[in-house]
Amino acid sequence: MTTRLPLLLAALIAAPALAQDKVTFATNWKAQAAHGGFYQSVADGTYKRYGLDVTIQPGGPQVNNRPLLPAGRIDFLMTGNLLHNFDNVKNGVPTVVVAAMFQKDPQALIAHPGQGYEKFEALKNAPVALIAKDGQFSWWQWLKVTHGFRDEALKPYNYNLGPFLANKKAIQQGYSVAEPIYVENQGRFKPVVHLLADHGFSTYSTVIETRADTVKNKPDLVQRFVDASILGWVNYLYGNRAAANALMIKDNPEMTVAELEASVALMKQQGIVDSGESLTNGIGAMNEARIKDFHEQMVKAGLYKPGEVDLAKVATFQFVNRKVGVDLKAKLGGK
């Protein structure tokens, strides 16, 4: 026994560390502050501490990562809002939402100051509304039914601020944590910003999707990815995010530290990530009643027929509402 013990110890010391689970997580656009929590967990080693080797695969204007999830080529997908998930269920695509990192969808309407648009109700009277095609066929329909907006005002938005900057009476769509920064940089004024979420557009946003079979067969993997992502968002918002910002700039050289920091400030100010349910249940929180409410609004807006979407298949709540990160936020001084 005495001769074997040193050999056994030497074997244990020489043994390699347990392999981490390789995970590919795809986003829906180029790296930006709205992805910051995920990059944070790569940068500060949180994913690794949870036994995950995570590769972030950015999206972009010429990149559509959505089909890769049901095809099994990626493990998790960041989706904009619940409309995509309703569509998946309607079309029989076996994916499911496992967390919602944003309590508010950052979709907004922006306007020039001093033109009578300080109140949301006035926006429906704008003579020009610059809205992209996907918006026209989704949340614009909700604006028409719920708030009285008119198709006559519609003009195509091609992600170029020029037409908006040139017409003080125009309104346009914008991501509330991005376009206002671009307007201020290019137009030298602070735009009026109205979040649709503050006026009844109750969808969750920046949701994490995975395949239904992954939830069934690898729940521990899903839980670790969700928990580590939540901690990433807490650390990104309230801790030192320099390393995460550097990783995002590496993936998206068009981005700057100043723009990332300005976007984080807006996320905090508007309660995009951390507000409502997340304050008590932790970032990523979801509840069934809110998903049902949003679906009912979309049915009224004509986007879906009653009974067309089985809401039981849209999301699972087993991985969230566990207060993950709440204590950490308190330690970091987050409010």
C-alpha atoms as a PDB file:
ATOM      1  CA  MET A   1       0.000   0.000   0.000  1.00  0.00           C
ATOM      2  CA  THR A   2       2.776   2.430   0.882  1.00  0.00           C
ATOM      3  CA  THR A   3       4.418   2.006  -2.518  1.00  0.00           C
ATOM      4  CA  ARG A   4       1.157   2.522  -4.383  1.00  0.00           C
ATOM      5  CA  LEU A   5       0.072   5.698  -2.548  1.00  0.00           C
ATOM      6  CA  PRO A   6       2.670   8.023  -4.129  1.00  0.00           C
ATOM      7  CA  LEU A   7       1.831   6.588  -7.542  1.00  0.00           C
ATOM      8  CA  LEU A   8      -1.865   7.210  -6.939  1.00  0.00           C
ATOM      9  CA  LEU A   9      -1.249  10.781  -5.838  1.00  0.00           C
ATOM     10  CA  ALA A  10       0.948  11.410  -8.854  1.00  0.00           C
ATOM     11  CA  ALA A  11      -1.774  10.068 -11.126  1.00  0.00           C
ATOM     12  CA  LEU A  12      -4.366  12.345  -9.551  1.00  0.00           C
ATOM     13  CA  ILE A  13      -2.121  15.392  -9.916  1.00  0.00           C
ATOM     14  CA  ALA A  14      -1.416  14.570 -13.559  1.00  0.00           C
ATOM     15  CA  ALA A  15      -5.094  13.941 -14.388  1.00  0.00           C
ATOM     16  CA  PRO A  16      -6.611  16.639 -16.611  1.00  0.00           C
ATOM     17  CA  ALA A  17      -9.417  18.866 -15.298  1.00  0.00           C
ATOM     18  CA  LEU A  18     -12.922  17.748 -16.155  1.00  0.00           C
ATOM     19  CA  ALA A  19     -13.898  18.954 -19.613  1.00  0.00           C
ATOM     20  CA  GLN A  20     -16.293  21.879 -19.689  1.00  0.00           C
ATOM     21  CA  ASP A  21     -19.504  21.709 -21.672  1.00  0.00           C
ATOM     22  CA  LYS A  22     -19.021  23.504 -24.967  1.00  0.00           C
ATOM     23  CA  VAL A  23     -21.898  25.896 -25.671  1.00  0.00           C
ATOM     24  CA  THR A  24     -22.550  28.132 -28.672  1.00  0.00           C
ATOM     25  CA  PHE A  25     -24.768  31.126 -27.964  1.00  0.00           C
ATOM     26  CA  ALA A  26     -25.895  33.238 -30.927  1.00  0.00           C
ATOM     27  CA  THR A  27     -27.113  36.824 -30.713  1.00  0.00           C
ATOM     28  CA  ASN A  28     -29.445  38.690 -33.056  1.00  0.00           C
ATOM     29  CA  TRP A  29     -27.113  41.560 -33.972  1.00  0.00           C
ATOM     30  CA  LYS A  30     -23.541  42.804 -33.844  1.00  0.00           C
ATOM     31  CA  ALA A  31     -21.984  43.118 -30.390  1.00  0.00           C
ATOM     32  CA  GLN A  32     -23.395  46.032 -28.404  1.00  0.00           C
ATOM     33  CA  ALA A  33     -24.217  46.972 -24.819  1.00  0.00           C
ATOM     34  CA  ALA A  34     -27.544  45.140 -25.110  1.00  0.00           C
ATOM     35  CA  HIS A  35     -25.431  41.964 -25.193  1.00  0.00           C
ATOM     36  CA  GLY A  36     -23.145  43.092 -22.396  1.00  0.00           C
ATOM     37  CA  GLY A  37     -24.111  40.599 -19.707  1.00  0.00           C
ATOM     38  CA  PHE A  38     -23.270  37.637 -21.899  1.00  0.00           C
ATOM     39  CA  TYR A  39     -19.885  39.044 -22.848  1.00  0.00           C
ATOM     40  CA  GLN A  40     -19.295  39.829 -19.179  1.00  0.00           C
ATOM     41  CA  SER A  41     -19.676  36.166 -18.228  1.00  0.00           C
ATOM     42  CA  VAL A  42     -17.131  35.210 -20.876  1.00  0.00           C
ATOM     43  CA  ALA A  43     -14.725  37.967 -19.879  1.00  0.00           C
ATOM     44  CA  ASP A  44     -14.775  37.465 -16.106  1.00  0.00           C
ATOM     45  CA  GLY A  45     -14.886  33.650 -16.171  1.00  0.00           C
ATOM     46  CA  THR A  46     -18.411  33.217 -14.793  1.00  0.00           C
ATOM     47  CA  TYR A  47     -19.364  30.763 -17.529  1.00  0.00           C
ATOM     48  CA  LYS A  48     -16.200  28.769 -16.838  1.00  0.00           C
ATOM     49  CA  ARG A  49     -16.968  28.649 -13.114  1.00  0.00           C
ATOM     50  CA  TYR A  50     -20.297  27.122 -14.087  1.00  0.00           C
ATOM     51  CA  GLY A  51     -18.583  24.462 -16.166  1.00  0.00           C
ATOM     52  CA  LEU A  52     -19.302  26.074 -19.528  1.00  0.00           C
ATOM     53  CA  ASP A  53     -17.020  26.860 -22.453  1.00  0.00           C
ATOM     54  CA  VAL A  54     -19.176  29.477 -24.190  1.00  0.00           C
ATOM     55  CA  THR A  55     -18.662  30.825 -27.680  1.00  0.00           C
ATOM     56  CA  ILE A  56     -20.727  33.904 -28.573  1.00  0.00           C
ATOM     57  CA  GLN A  57     -21.717  33.988 -32.239  1.00  0.00           C
ATOM     58  CA  PRO A  58     -22.820  37.531 -33.192  1.00  0.00           C
ATOM     59  CA  GLY A  59     -25.621  38.285 -35.614  1.00  0.00           C
ATOM     60  CA  GLY A  60     -25.773  41.228 -37.984  1.00  0.00           C
ATOM     61  CA  PRO A  61     -27.489  42.724 -41.016  1.00  0.00           C
ATOM     62  CA  GLN A  62     -26.360  39.856 -43.264  1.00  0.00           C
ATOM     63  CA  VAL A  63     -26.518  37.138 -40.590  1.00  0.00           C
ATOM     64  CA  ASN A  64     -29.629  35.240 -39.554  1.00  0.00           C
ATOM     65  CA  ASN A  65     -28.867  32.979 -36.605  1.00  0.00           C
ATOM     66  CA  ARG A  66     -32.493  31.997 -35.947  1.00  0.00           C
ATOM     67  CA  PRO A  67     -32.649  28.873 -38.154  1.00  0.00           C
ATOM     68  CA  LEU A  68     -29.477  27.528 -36.548  1.00  0.00           C
ATOM     69  CA  LEU A  69     -31.193  26.749 -33.224  1.00  0.00           C
ATOM     70  CA  PRO A  70     -33.813  24.222 -34.400  1.00  0.00           C
ATOM     71  CA  ALA A  71     -31.201  22.817 -36.784  1.00  0.00           C
ATOM     72  CA  GLY A  72     -28.994  21.985 -33.789  1.00  0.00           C
ATOM     73  CA  ARG A  73     -26.041  24.088 -34.942  1.00  0.00           C
ATOM     74  CA  ILE A  74     -26.193  26.366 -31.884  1.00  0.00           C
ATOM     75  CA  ASP A  75     -27.291  25.654 -28.315  1.00  0.00           C
ATOM     76  CA  PHE A  76     -28.893  28.931 -27.227  1.00  0.00           C
ATOM     77  CA  LEU A  77     -30.230  31.935 -29.115  1.00  0.00           C
ATOM     78  CA  MET A  78     -30.893  35.520 -28.091  1.00  0.00           C
ATOM     79  CA  THR A  79     -34.204  36.641 -29.565  1.00  0.00           C
ATOM     80  CA  GLY A  80     -35.585  40.168 -29.711  1.00  0.00           C
ATOM     81  CA  ASN A  81     -39.043  39.738 -28.211  1.00  0.00           C
ATOM     82  CA  LEU A  82     -41.857  37.221 -27.755  1.00  0.00           C
ATOM     83  CA  LEU A  83     -43.298  37.690 -31.237  1.00  0.00           C
ATOM     84  CA  HIS A  84     -40.543  35.454 -32.608  1.00  0.00           C
ATOM     85  CA  ASN A  85     -41.413  32.810 -30.038  1.00  0.00           C
ATOM     86  CA  PHE A  86     -45.130  32.990 -30.801  1.00  0.00           C
ATOM     87  CA  ASP A  87     -44.246  32.463 -34.454  1.00  0.00           C
ATOM     88  CA  ASN A  88     -42.137  29.421 -33.601  1.00  0.00           C
ATOM     89  CA  VAL A  89     -44.942  27.792 -31.648  1.00  0.00           C
ATOM     90  CA  LYS A  90     -47.472  28.647 -34.349  1.00  0.00           C
ATOM     91  CA  ASN A  91     -45.238  27.038 -36.980  1.00  0.00           C
ATOM     92  CA  GLY A  92     -44.349  23.995 -34.910  1.00  0.00           C
ATOM     93  CA  VAL A  93     -40.693  24.935 -34.372  1.00  0.00           C
ATOM     94  CA  PRO A  94     -39.636  23.090 -31.160  1.00  0.00           C
ATOM     95  CA  THR A  95     -37.888  25.897 -29.292  1.00  0.00           C
ATOM     96  CA  VAL A  96     -38.726  27.367 -25.900  1.00  0.00           C
ATOM     97  CA  VAL A  97     -37.867  30.528 -23.941  1.00  0.00           C
ATOM     98  CA  VAL A  98     -35.913  29.828 -20.747  1.00  0.00           C
ATOM     99  CA  ALA A  99     -35.186  33.382 -19.519  1.00  0.00           C
ATOM    100  CA  ALA A 100     -35.972  37.014 -20.353  1.00  0.00           C
ATOM    101  CA  MET A 101     -32.992  39.254 -19.734  1.00  0.00           C
ATOM    102  CA  PHE A 102     -34.869  42.480 -20.473  1.00  0.00           C
ATOM    103  CA  GLN A 103     -37.999  43.339 -18.520  1.00  0.00           C
ATOM    104  CA  LYS A 104     -38.761  46.045 -21.090  1.00  0.00           C
ATOM    105  CA  ASP A 105     -38.470  45.863 -24.855  1.00  0.00           C
ATOM    106  CA  PRO A 106     -36.225  48.795 -25.863  1.00  0.00           C
ATOM    107  CA  GLN A 107     -38.372  49.462 -28.949  1.00  0.00           C
ATOM    108  CA  ALA A 108     -39.208  53.163 -28.941  1.00  0.00           C
ATOM    109  CA  LEU A 109     -40.480  56.053 -30.993  1.00  0.00           C
ATOM    110  CA  ILE A 110     -38.233  59.109 -31.075  1.00  0.00           C
ATOM    111  CA  ALA A 111     -39.030  62.683 -32.014  1.00  0.00           C
ATOM    112  CA  HIS A 112     -37.503  66.137 -32.174  1.00  0.00           C
ATOM    113  CA  PRO A 113     -37.841  68.256 -29.003  1.00  0.00           C
ATOM    114  CA  GLY A 114     -40.058  71.318 -29.042  1.00  0.00           C
ATOM    115  CA  GLN A 115     -42.410  69.937 -31.720  1.00  0.00           C
ATOM    116  CA  GLY A 116     -45.311  68.980 -29.461  1.00  0.00           C
ATOM    117  CA  TYR A 117     -44.320  65.334 -29.060  1.00  0.00           C
ATOM    118  CA  GLU A 118     -43.434  65.409 -25.389  1.00  0.00           C
ATOM    119  CA  LYS A 119     -46.590  63.382 -24.673  1.00  0.00           C
ATOM    120  CA  PHE A 120     -46.900  59.914 -26.199  1.00  0.00           C
ATOM    121  CA  GLU A 121     -50.488  60.563 -27.289  1.00  0.00           C
ATOM    122  CA  ALA A 122     -49.329  63.293 -29.667  1.00  0.00           C
ATOM    123  CA  LEU A 123     -47.167  60.927 -31.724  1.00  0.00           C
ATOM    124  CA  LYS A 124     -50.174  59.536 -33.601  1.00  0.00           C
ATOM    125  CA  ASN A 125     -50.655  62.962 -35.206  1.00  0.00           C
ATOM    126  CA  ALA A 126     -47.148  63.097 -36.697  1.00  0.00           C
ATOM    127  CA  PRO A 127     -47.303  63.612 -40.493  1.00  0.00           C
ATOM    128  CA  VAL A 128     -44.359  61.245 -41.068  1.00  0.00           C
ATOM    129  CA  ALA A 129     -43.522  58.045 -39.202  1.00  0.00           C
ATOM    130  CA  LEU A 130     -40.313  56.359 -40.323  1.00  0.00           C
ATOM    131  CA  ILE A 131     -40.848  52.665 -39.595  1.00  0.00           C
ATOM    132  CA  ALA A 132     -39.008  49.646 -41.028  1.00  0.00           C
ATOM    133  CA  LYS A 133     -40.992  46.880 -42.719  1.00  0.00           C
ATOM    134  CA  ASP A 134     -40.715  44.402 -39.848  1.00  0.00           C
ATOM    135  CA  GLY A 135     -42.040  47.060 -37.465  1.00  0.00           C
ATOM    136  CA  GLN A 136     -44.881  47.945 -39.807  1.00  0.00           C
ATOM    137  CA  PHE A 137     -46.102  44.359 -39.754  1.00  0.00           C
ATOM    138  CA  SER A 138     -45.700  43.842 -36.010  1.00  0.00           C
ATOM    139  CA  TRP A 139     -45.808  46.505 -33.305  1.00  0.00           C
ATOM    140  CA  TRP A 140     -47.152  49.198 -35.667  1.00  0.00           C
ATOM    141  CA  GLN A 141     -50.329  47.126 -35.971  1.00  0.00           C
ATOM    142  CA  TRP A 142     -50.584  47.202 -32.182  1.00  0.00           C
ATOM    143  CA  LEU A 143     -50.066  50.992 -32.177  1.00  0.00           C
ATOM    144  CA  LYS A 144     -52.915  51.393 -34.672  1.00  0.00           C
ATOM    145  CA  VAL A 145     -55.393  49.278 -32.734  1.00  0.00           C
ATOM    146  CA  THR A 146     -54.420  50.393 -29.243  1.00  0.00           C
ATOM    147  CA  HIS A 147     -53.328  54.002 -29.702  1.00  0.00           C
ATOM    148  CA  GLY A 148     -54.900  55.202 -32.959  1.00  0.00           C
ATOM    149  CA  PHE A 149     -51.817  55.556 -35.174  1.00  0.00           C
ATOM    150  CA  ARG A 150     -52.476  55.899 -38.924  1.00  0.00           C
ATOM    151  CA  ASP A 151     -50.926  54.135 -41.907  1.00  0.00           C
ATOM    152  CA  GLU A 152     -51.042  57.387 -43.877  1.00  0.00           C
ATOM    153  CA  ALA A 153     -48.020  58.622 -41.931  1.00  0.00           C
ATOM    154  CA  LEU A 154     -45.856  55.600 -42.728  1.00  0.00           C
ATOM    155  CA  LYS A 155     -42.591  56.018 -44.569  1.00  0.00           C
ATOM    156  CA  PRO A 156     -39.894  53.331 -44.783  1.00  0.00           C
ATOM    157  CA  TYR A 157     -37.053  53.522 -42.289  1.00  0.00           C
ATOM    158  CA  ASN A 158     -33.818  52.209 -43.773  1.00  0.00           C
ATOM    159  CA  TYR A 159     -31.678  52.624 -40.654  1.00  0.00           C
ATOM    160  CA  ASN A 160     -30.419  55.965 -41.887  1.00  0.00           C
ATOM    161  CA  LEU A 161     -31.018  58.924 -39.579  1.00  0.00           C
ATOM    162  CA  GLY A 162     -30.844  61.483 -42.408  1.00  0.00           C
ATOM    163  CA  PRO A 163     -34.578  61.751 -43.213  1.00  0.00           C
ATOM    164  CA  PHE A 164     -35.476  62.048 -39.522  1.00  0.00           C
ATOM    165  CA  LEU A 165     -32.838  64.676 -38.787  1.00  0.00           C
ATOM    166  CA  ALA A 166     -33.981  66.702 -41.805  1.00  0.00           C
ATOM    167  CA  ASN A 167     -37.680  66.750 -40.839  1.00  0.00           C
ATOM    168  CA  LYS A 168     -38.450  68.159 -37.397  1.00  0.00           C
ATOM    169  CA  LYS A 169     -42.059  66.985 -37.577  1.00  0.00           C
ATOM    170  CA  ALA A 170     -41.109  63.377 -38.316  1.00  0.00           C
ATOM    171  CA  ILE A 171     -41.016  60.577 -35.779  1.00  0.00           C
ATOM    172  CA  GLN A 172     -39.113  57.357 -36.238  1.00  0.00           C
ATOM    173  CA  GLN A 173     -38.539  54.013 -34.617  1.00  0.00           C
ATOM    174  CA  GLY A 174     -35.459  53.466 -32.537  1.00  0.00           C
ATOM    175  CA  TYR A 175     -33.827  51.175 -30.032  1.00  0.00           C
ATOM    176  CA  SER A 176     -34.066  53.296 -26.903  1.00  0.00           C
ATOM    177  CA  VAL A 177     -30.523  52.427 -25.795  1.00  0.00           C
ATOM    178  CA  ALA A 178     -28.928  53.085 -29.201  1.00  0.00           C
ATOM    179  CA  GLU A 179     -30.638  55.510 -31.627  1.00  0.00           C
ATOM    180  CA  PRO A 180     -30.909  58.374 -29.105  1.00  0.00           C
ATOM    181  CA  ILE A 181     -27.116  58.229 -28.765  1.00  0.00           C
ATOM    182  CA  TYR A 182     -26.680  58.348 -32.548  1.00  0.00           C
ATOM    183  CA  VAL A 183     -29.132  61.255 -32.842  1.00  0.00           C
ATOM    184  CA  GLU A 184     -27.269  63.214 -30.198  1.00  0.00           C
ATOM    185  CA  ASN A 185     -23.930  62.511 -31.898  1.00  0.00           C
ATOM    186  CA  GLN A 186     -25.116  63.381 -35.413  1.00  0.00           C
ATOM    187  CA  GLY A 187     -27.873  65.913 -34.803  1.00  0.00           C
ATOM    188  CA  ARG A 188     -26.415  67.575 -31.705  1.00  0.00           C
ATOM    189  CA  PHE A 189     -29.685  67.414 -29.779  1.00  0.00           C
ATOM    190  CA  LYS A 190     -31.353  65.070 -27.314  1.00  0.00           C
ATOM    191  CA  PRO A 191     -34.433  63.491 -28.903  1.00  0.00           C
ATOM    192  CA  VAL A 192     -37.732  62.872 -27.191  1.00  0.00           C
ATOM    193  CA  VAL A 193     -37.884  59.135 -26.498  1.00  0.00           C
ATOM    194  CA  HIS A 194     -41.073  57.152 -25.815  1.00  0.00           C
ATOM    195  CA  LEU A 195     -40.644  53.495 -24.873  1.00  0.00           C
ATOM    196  CA  LEU A 196     -43.498  51.378 -26.202  1.00  0.00           C
ATOM    197  CA  ALA A 197     -43.089  49.255 -23.059  1.00  0.00           C
ATOM    198  CA  ASP A 198     -44.197  52.218 -20.944  1.00  0.00           C
ATOM    199  CA  HIS A 199     -47.442  52.383 -22.917  1.00  0.00           C
ATOM    200  CA  GLY A 200     -48.620  48.797 -22.806  1.00  0.00           C
ATOM    201  CA  PHE A 201     -46.303  46.875 -25.145  1.00  0.00           C
ATOM    202  CA  SER A 202     -45.754  44.246 -22.471  1.00  0.00           C
ATOM    203  CA  THR A 203     -43.419  41.778 -24.160  1.00  0.00           C
ATOM    204  CA  TYR A 204     -40.240  40.598 -22.536  1.00  0.00           C
ATOM    205  CA  SER A 205     -37.135  41.180 -24.627  1.00  0.00           C
ATOM    206  CA  THR A 206     -33.658  39.778 -25.156  1.00  0.00           C
ATOM    207  CA  VAL A 207     -35.035  36.371 -24.310  1.00  0.00           C
ATOM    208  CA  ILE A 208     -32.901  33.229 -24.280  1.00  0.00           C
ATOM    209  CA  GLU A 209     -34.228  30.369 -26.372  1.00  0.00           C
ATOM    210  CA  THR A 210     -33.127  26.781 -26.582  1.00  0.00           C
ATOM    211  CA  ARG A 211     -34.570  23.607 -28.087  1.00  0.00           C
ATOM    212  CA  ALA A 212     -37.329  21.780 -26.249  1.00  0.00           C
ATOM    213  CA  ASP A 213     -35.225  18.610 -26.266  1.00  0.00           C
ATOM    214  CA  THR A 214     -32.362  20.451 -24.552  1.00  0.00           C
ATOM    215  CA  VAL A 215     -34.708  21.476 -21.729  1.00  0.00           C
ATOM    216  CA  LYS A 216     -35.896  17.882 -21.425  1.00  0.00           C
ATOM    217  CA  ASN A 217     -32.550  16.099 -21.712  1.00  0.00           C
ATOM    218  CA  LYS A 218     -30.053  18.646 -20.333  1.00  0.00           C
ATOM    219  CA  PRO A 219     -31.856  20.739 -17.709  1.00  0.00           C
ATOM    220  CA  ASP A 220     -28.674  21.111 -15.652  1.00  0.00           C
ATOM    221  CA  LEU A 221     -26.865  22.617 -18.651  1.00  0.00           C
ATOM    222  CA  VAL A 222     -29.721  25.054 -19.238  1.00  0.00           C
ATOM    223  CA  GLN A 223     -29.801  26.044 -15.566  1.00  0.00           C
ATOM    224  CA  ARG A 224     -26.068  26.705 -15.486  1.00  0.00           C
ATOM    225  CA  PHE A 225     -26.208  28.800 -18.635  1.00  0.00           C
ATOM    226  CA  VAL A 226     -29.165  30.845 -17.380  1.00  0.00           C
ATOM    227  CA  ASP A 227     -27.669  31.384 -13.907  1.00  0.00           C
ATOM    228  CA  ALA A 228     -24.253  32.366 -15.280  1.00  0.00           C
ATOM    229  CA  SER A 229     -25.865  34.741 -17.785  1.00  0.00           C
ATOM    230  CA  ILE A 230     -27.893  36.393 -15.037  1.00  0.00           C
ATOM    231  CA  LEU A 231     -24.752  36.924 -12.954  1.00  0.00           C
ATOM    232  CA  GLY A 232     -23.081  38.331 -16.050  1.00  0.00           C
ATOM    233  CA  TRP A 233     -25.795  40.938 -16.376  1.00  0.00           C
ATOM    234  CA  VAL A 234     -25.545  41.883 -12.694  1.00  0.00           C
ATOM    235  CA  ASN A 235     -21.789  42.313 -13.002  1.00  0.00           C
ATOM    236  CA  TYR A 236     -22.045  44.159 -16.307  1.00  0.00           C
ATOM    237  CA  LEU A 237     -24.553  46.688 -15.015  1.00  0.00           C
ATOM    238  CA  TYR A 238     -23.208  47.195 -11.507  1.00  0.00           C
ATOM    239  CA  GLY A 239     -19.589  45.980 -11.541  1.00  0.00           C
ATOM    240  CA  ASN A 240     -16.467  46.459 -13.643  1.00  0.00           C
ATOM    241  CA  ARG A 241     -17.436  45.955 -17.290  1.00  0.00           C
ATOM    242  CA  ALA A 242     -14.189  47.051 -18.937  1.00  0.00           C
ATOM    243  CA  ALA A 243     -13.168  43.553 -20.041  1.00  0.00           C
ATOM    244  CA  ALA A 244     -16.615  42.836 -21.483  1.00  0.00           C
ATOM    245  CA  ASN A 245     -16.572  46.130 -23.380  1.00  0.00           C
ATOM    246  CA  ALA A 246     -13.169  45.221 -24.816  1.00  0.00           C
ATOM    247  CA  LEU A 247     -14.497  41.850 -26.017  1.00  0.00           C
ATOM    248  CA  MET A 248     -17.483  43.506 -27.697  1.00  0.00           C
ATOM    249  CA  ILE A 249     -15.295  46.048 -29.447  1.00  0.00           C
ATOM    250  CA  LYS A 250     -13.144  43.163 -30.675  1.00  0.00           C
ATOM    251  CA  ASP A 251     -16.238  41.501 -32.157  1.00  0.00           C
ATOM    252  CA  ASN A 252     -17.670  44.816 -33.407  1.00  0.00           C
ATOM    253  CA  PRO A 253     -14.893  47.358 -34.108  1.00  0.00           C
ATOM    254  CA  GLU A 254     -17.503  49.979 -35.036  1.00  0.00           C
ATOM    255  CA  MET A 255     -18.412  50.193 -31.343  1.00  0.00           C
ATOM    256  CA  THR A 256     -16.677  52.531 -28.894  1.00  0.00           C
ATOM    257  CA  VAL A 257     -16.326  52.533 -25.129  1.00  0.00           C
ATOM    258  CA  ALA A 258     -18.146  55.877 -24.982  1.00  0.00           C
ATOM    259  CA  GLU A 259     -21.120  54.477 -26.888  1.00  0.00           C
ATOM    260  CA  LEU A 260     -21.229  51.336 -24.755  1.00  0.00           C
ATOM    261  CA  GLU A 261     -21.151  53.383 -21.555  1.00  0.00           C
ATOM    262  CA  ALA A 262     -23.853  55.743 -22.808  1.00  0.00           C
ATOM    263  CA  SER A 263     -26.020  52.743 -23.656  1.00  0.00           C
ATOM    264  CA  VAL A 264     -25.539  51.208 -20.205  1.00  0.00           C
ATOM    265  CA  ALA A 265     -26.600  54.505 -18.639  1.00  0.00           C
ATOM    266  CA  LEU A 266     -29.801  54.453 -20.696  1.00  0.00           C
ATOM    267  CA  MET A 267     -30.501  50.826 -19.793  1.00  0.00           C
ATOM    268  CA  LYS A 268     -30.291  51.717 -16.129  1.00  0.00           C
ATOM    269  CA  GLN A 269     -32.274  54.925 -16.497  1.00  0.00           C
ATOM    270  CA  GLN A 270     -35.101  53.231 -18.391  1.00  0.00           C
ATOM    271  CA  GLY A 271     -35.171  50.040 -16.314  1.00  0.00           C
ATOM    272  CA  ILE A 272     -34.654  47.909 -19.408  1.00  0.00           C
ATOM    273  CA  VAL A 273     -32.894  45.005 -17.697  1.00  0.00           C
ATOM    274  CA  ASP A 274     -33.591  45.443 -14.032  1.00  0.00           C
ATOM    275  CA  SER A 275     -37.054  46.633 -13.067  1.00  0.00           C
ATOM    276  CA  GLY A 276     -40.432  45.223 -12.068  1.00  0.00           C
ATOM    277  CA  GLU A 277     -40.256  41.478 -11.448  1.00  0.00           C
ATOM    278  CA  SER A 278     -36.470  41.298 -11.647  1.00  0.00           C
ATOM    279  CA  LEU A 279     -36.037  43.497  -8.570  1.00  0.00           C
ATOM    280  CA  THR A 280     -37.334  40.715  -6.337  1.00  0.00           C
ATOM    281  CA  ASN A 281     -37.001  37.557  -8.457  1.00  0.00           C
ATOM    282  CA  GLY A 282     -33.708  38.338 -10.146  1.00  0.00           C
ATOM    283  CA  ILE A 283     -32.758  39.365 -13.674  1.00  0.00           C
ATOM    284  CA  GLY A 284     -34.273  37.031 -16.257  1.00  0.00           C
ATOM    285  CA  ALA A 285     -37.602  36.826 -14.408  1.00  0.00           C
ATOM    286  CA  MET A 286     -40.779  35.885 -16.279  1.00  0.00           C
ATOM    287  CA  ASN A 287     -44.373  35.069 -15.430  1.00  0.00           C
ATOM    288  CA  GLU A 288     -47.178  33.336 -17.260  1.00  0.00           C
ATOM    289  CA  ALA A 289     -49.754  36.119 -16.821  1.00  0.00           C
ATOM    290  CA  ARG A 290     -47.608  38.696 -18.578  1.00  0.00           C
ATOM    291  CA  ILE A 291     -46.954  36.437 -21.562  1.00  0.00           C
ATOM    292  CA  LYS A 292     -50.678  35.788 -21.798  1.00  0.00           C
ATOM    293  CA  ASP A 293     -51.414  39.528 -21.666  1.00  0.00           C
ATOM    294  CA  PHE A 294     -48.989  40.281 -24.459  1.00  0.00           C
ATOM    295  CA  HIS A 295     -50.412  37.483 -26.573  1.00  0.00           C
ATOM    296  CA  GLU A 296     -53.955  38.777 -26.074  1.00  0.00           C
ATOM    297  CA  GLN A 297     -52.837  42.234 -27.214  1.00  0.00           C
ATOM    298  CA  MET A 298     -51.281  40.761 -30.345  1.00  0.00           C
ATOM    299  CA  VAL A 299     -54.491  38.845 -31.088  1.00  0.00           C
ATOM    300  CA  LYS A 300     -56.456  42.101 -30.808  1.00  0.00           C
ATOM    301  CA  ALA A 301     -53.921  43.724 -33.134  1.00  0.00           C
ATOM    302  CA  GLY A 302     -54.606  41.015 -35.690  1.00  0.00           C
ATOM    303  CA  LEU A 303     -51.180  39.385 -35.634  1.00  0.00           C
ATOM    304  CA  TYR A 304     -52.562  36.029 -34.480  1.00  0.00           C
ATOM    305  CA  LYS A 305     -55.884  34.240 -34.406  1.00  0.00           C
ATOM    306  CA  PRO A 306     -57.338  33.063 -31.094  1.00  0.00           C
ATOM    307  CA  GLY A 307     -55.999  29.623 -30.208  1.00  0.00           C
ATOM    308  CA  GLU A 308     -53.327  29.754 -32.897  1.00  0.00           C
ATOM    309  CA  VAL A 309     -50.453  29.837 -30.373  1.00  0.00           C
ATOM    310  CA  ASP A 310     -50.252  27.265 -27.572  1.00  0.00           C
ATOM    311  CA  LEU A 311     -48.891  29.484 -24.808  1.00  0.00           C
ATOM    312  CA  ALA A 312     -47.826  26.473 -22.753  1.00  0.00           C
ATOM    313  CA  LYS A 313     -45.128  25.851 -25.357  1.00  0.00           C
ATOM    314  CA  VAL A 314     -43.777  29.401 -25.521  1.00  0.00           C
ATOM    315  CA  ALA A 315     -41.747  29.470 -22.297  1.00  0.00           C
ATOM    316  CA  THR A 316     -40.751  27.448 -19.281  1.00  0.00           C
ATOM    317  CA  PHE A 317     -40.320  29.116 -15.901  1.00  0.00           C
ATOM    318  CA  GLN A 318     -38.277  26.389 -14.204  1.00  0.00           C
ATOM    319  CA  PHE A 319     -34.944  28.147 -14.715  1.00  0.00           C
ATOM    320  CA  VAL A 320     -35.824  31.685 -13.543  1.00  0.00           C
ATOM    321  CA  ASN A 321     -37.469  33.539 -10.635  1.00  0.00           C
ATOM    322  CA  ARG A 322     -34.865  31.992  -8.293  1.00  0.00           C
ATOM    323  CA  LYS A 323     -33.424  35.302  -7.009  1.00  0.00           C
ATOM    324  CA  VAL A 324     -30.072  34.565  -8.641  1.00  0.00           C
ATOM    325  CA  GLY A 325     -27.826  37.633  -8.455  1.00  0.00           C
ATOM    326  CA  VAL A 326     -30.035  39.634  -6.087  1.00  0.00           C
ATOM    327  CA  ASP A 327     -27.518  39.432  -3.231  1.00  0.00           C
ATOM    328  CA  LEU A 328     -24.624  40.152  -5.601  1.00  0.00           C
ATOM    329  CA  LYS A 329     -26.366  43.262  -6.866  1.00  0.00           C
ATOM    330  CA  ALA A 330     -26.791  44.483  -3.296  1.00  0.00           C
ATOM    331  CA  LYS A 331     -23.059  43.925  -2.627  1.00  0.00           C
ATOM    332  CA  LEU A 332     -22.174  45.879  -5.769  1.00  0.00           C
ATOM    333  CA  GLY A 333     -24.406  48.760  -4.721  1.00  0.00           C
ATOM    334  CA  GLY A 334     -26.997  48.256  -7.424  1.00  0.00           C
ATOM    335  CA  LYS A 335     -30.422  49.806  -6.973  1.00  0.00           C
END
